[in-house]
Amino acid sequence: MIVSKFQKLSKNPFLFRLYLLKNLPLAYLTGIRIEELTASQATTTIKLSWITKNPFHSIYFACELMAAELSTAMILFDNCYESTPPVSTLIIENKAVYFKKAKGKIRFICKNESPISELIHKTQGTGEAVLVDLKSIGVDEAGDKVAEFIFTWSIKAKTNNY
């Protein structure tokens, strides 16, 4: 199994926590963790805590959304890391369905079924933005699905023309 440089960086808990503190402070505060990152799957976790709770004794939907989004972003970042020319990513749409209260530790799993590397090469060649939908499914400790998110990402090669 080939492990990318980005996967190695993300698996270092200290460096990853520093990254979150610097770039995603709310994710840092809520305690989101990267559990797994491979070429084909990313898994993040979030726990019910004082800072993630809502008045209904479950994880606030925005915290779930953050953890789900990060599971999809990690797959994109793994593919985009140190690409030449560099690419930028942006969420342009998201859809969410909630099935039950999120209590305890929730795992958000994104399985990469899209040809992301091909899309990156396409935008690098044409300079035009390309779209990709990535799905993240949230499951609780019992294995029950609590939520499903679909994020539409725009990927575009960066140019010097700002």
Protein backbone atom coordinates (compact mmCIF):
# COMPACT_ATOMS: atom_id res chain seq x y z
CA MET A 1 0.00 0.00 0.00
CA ILE A 2 1.40 3.38 -1.01
CA VAL A 3 1.10 6.07 1.66
CA SER A 4 1.18 9.63 0.36
CA LYS A 5 3.10 12.46 2.01
CA PHE A 6 -0.21 14.10 2.93
CA GLN A 7 -1.46 10.89 4.58
CA LYS A 8 1.71 10.76 6.69
CA LEU A 9 1.21 14.38 7.77
CA SER A 10 -2.45 13.83 8.65
CA LYS A 11 -1.63 10.77 10.76
CA ASN A 12 0.68 12.76 13.04
CA PRO A 13 -1.72 13.79 15.84
CA PHE A 14 0.42 16.72 16.98
CA LEU A 15 0.87 18.21 13.49
CA PHE A 16 -2.76 17.65 12.59
CA ARG A 17 -3.98 19.36 15.78
CA LEU A 18 -1.67 22.32 15.03
CA TYR A 19 -3.09 22.46 11.51
CA LEU A 20 -6.63 22.55 12.89
CA LEU A 21 -5.75 25.21 15.46
CA LYS A 22 -4.22 27.42 12.78
CA ASN A 23 -6.65 26.82 9.90
CA LEU A 24 -9.89 25.38 11.34
CA PRO A 25 -10.13 26.61 14.93
CA LEU A 26 -13.76 25.50 15.37
CA ALA A 27 -12.84 21.96 14.30
CA TYR A 28 -9.99 22.11 16.82
CA LEU A 29 -12.32 23.25 19.61
CA THR A 30 -14.95 20.61 18.86
CA GLY A 31 -12.36 17.82 18.97
CA ILE A 32 -12.77 16.46 15.45
CA ARG A 33 -10.21 13.75 14.73
CA ILE A 34 -8.94 11.98 11.63
CA GLU A 35 -9.28 8.27 12.24
CA GLU A 36 -8.29 7.00 8.81
CA LEU A 37 -7.02 8.38 5.54
CA THR A 38 -6.19 6.21 2.55
CA ALA A 39 -6.40 6.78 -1.18
CA SER A 40 -9.92 5.36 -1.14
CA GLN A 41 -11.41 6.36 2.24
CA ALA A 42 -11.32 9.05 4.91
CA THR A 43 -12.90 8.73 8.34
CA THR A 44 -13.35 11.53 10.86
CA THR A 45 -14.85 11.36 14.33
CA ILE A 46 -16.60 13.74 16.68
CA LYS A 47 -17.93 13.12 20.17
CA LEU A 48 -20.88 14.50 22.06
CA SER A 49 -19.45 16.96 24.55
CA TRP A 50 -20.27 20.23 26.22
CA ILE A 51 -19.10 22.21 23.21
CA THR A 52 -20.79 20.02 20.55
CA LYS A 53 -24.15 19.52 22.24
CA ASN A 54 -27.52 21.02 21.43
CA PRO A 55 -30.51 21.49 23.78
CA PHE A 56 -31.83 18.06 22.75
CA HIS A 57 -28.86 16.15 24.23
CA SER A 58 -27.29 15.23 20.91
CA ILE A 59 -24.55 16.63 18.67
CA TYR A 60 -25.46 19.95 17.10
CA PHE A 61 -26.03 19.53 13.36
CA ALA A 62 -23.39 22.12 12.47
CA CYS A 63 -20.77 20.07 14.31
CA GLU A 64 -21.85 16.98 12.41
CA LEU A 65 -21.62 18.96 9.16
CA MET A 66 -18.08 20.07 10.03
CA ALA A 67 -16.87 16.52 10.69
CA ALA A 68 -18.60 15.21 7.55
CA GLU A 69 -17.15 17.98 5.39
CA LEU A 70 -13.66 17.26 6.71
CA SER A 71 -13.96 13.59 5.74
CA THR A 72 -14.60 14.62 2.13
CA ALA A 73 -11.99 17.39 2.19
CA MET A 74 -9.25 15.02 3.35
CA ILE A 75 -9.71 12.89 0.24
CA LEU A 76 -9.51 15.99 -1.97
CA PHE A 77 -6.48 17.36 -0.13
CA ASP A 78 -4.72 14.01 -0.40
CA ASN A 79 -5.16 14.14 -4.18
CA CYS A 80 -4.34 17.86 -4.50
CA TYR A 81 -1.37 18.03 -2.11
CA GLU A 82 1.67 19.51 -3.86
CA SER A 83 0.03 19.24 -7.30
CA THR A 84 1.55 21.30 -10.10
CA PRO A 85 0.01 23.61 -10.99
CA PRO A 86 -1.76 23.90 -7.66
CA VAL A 87 -5.55 23.64 -7.48
CA SER A 88 -8.11 25.32 -5.29
CA THR A 89 -11.21 23.67 -3.88
CA LEU A 90 -14.52 25.14 -2.84
CA ILE A 91 -17.80 23.67 -1.66
CA ILE A 92 -20.56 25.00 -3.85
CA GLU A 93 -23.45 22.91 -2.51
CA ASN A 94 -24.25 20.47 0.24
CA LYS A 95 -27.21 18.28 1.05
CA ALA A 96 -27.90 16.58 4.36
CA VAL A 97 -30.34 14.02 5.64
CA TYR A 98 -30.56 13.22 9.35
CA PHE A 99 -31.89 9.86 10.47
CA LYS A 100 -31.54 9.89 14.25
CA LYS A 101 -29.97 11.78 17.13
CA ALA A 102 -26.18 11.79 17.08
CA LYS A 103 -25.05 10.71 20.53
CA GLY A 104 -21.71 9.44 21.75
CA LYS A 105 -18.90 9.11 19.20
CA ILE A 106 -19.94 9.54 15.57
CA ARG A 107 -17.79 8.34 12.68
CA PHE A 108 -18.08 10.08 9.30
CA ILE A 109 -16.90 7.89 6.44
CA CYS A 110 -16.24 9.12 2.92
CA LYS A 111 -15.44 6.41 0.38
CA ASN A 112 -13.84 7.81 -2.73
CA GLU A 113 -15.72 6.52 -5.75
CA SER A 114 -14.86 9.48 -7.99
CA PRO A 115 -11.94 9.85 -10.42
CA ILE A 116 -10.52 12.81 -8.48
CA SER A 117 -6.99 12.58 -9.89
CA GLU A 118 -8.44 12.59 -13.42
CA LEU A 119 -10.53 15.66 -12.60
CA ILE A 120 -7.47 17.42 -11.22
CA HIS A 121 -5.53 16.69 -14.42
CA LYS A 122 -8.49 17.94 -16.46
CA THR A 123 -8.67 21.30 -14.68
CA GLN A 124 -4.89 21.67 -14.84
CA GLY A 125 -5.07 21.14 -18.59
CA THR A 126 -8.06 23.35 -19.34
CA GLY A 127 -8.07 25.86 -16.49
CA GLU A 128 -11.81 25.30 -16.18
CA ALA A 129 -13.45 24.32 -12.90
CA VAL A 130 -14.69 20.75 -12.54
CA LEU A 131 -17.27 19.46 -10.07
CA VAL A 132 -17.27 16.34 -7.95
CA ASP A 133 -19.83 15.03 -5.46
CA LEU A 134 -18.46 13.33 -2.36
CA LYS A 135 -20.68 11.54 0.15
CA SER A 136 -20.03 11.18 3.87
CA ILE A 137 -22.10 8.83 6.01
CA GLY A 138 -22.27 9.30 9.77
CA VAL A 139 -22.66 6.21 11.94
CA ASP A 140 -22.90 5.90 15.71
CA GLU A 141 -21.12 3.44 17.98
CA ALA A 142 -23.86 0.84 17.38
CA GLY A 143 -23.29 1.08 13.62
CA ASP A 144 -26.61 2.86 12.97
CA LYS A 145 -26.68 5.56 10.30
CA VAL A 146 -27.36 8.94 11.90
CA ALA A 147 -26.81 11.22 8.90
CA GLU A 148 -25.76 11.37 5.27
CA PHE A 149 -24.12 14.34 3.59
CA ILE A 150 -23.33 15.03 -0.05
CA PHE A 151 -20.90 17.85 -0.79
CA THR A 152 -20.43 19.24 -4.28
CA TRP A 153 -16.85 20.45 -4.58
CA SER A 154 -15.48 22.71 -7.28
CA ILE A 155 -11.86 22.01 -8.23
CA LYS A 156 -9.98 24.59 -10.31
CA ALA A 157 -6.37 25.02 -11.30
CA LYS A 158 -4.87 28.18 -9.84
CA THR A 159 -3.55 30.80 -12.22
CA ASN A 160 -1.48 33.91 -11.70
CA ASN A 161 -4.35 35.99 -13.09
CA TYR A 162 -6.17 37.10 -9.96
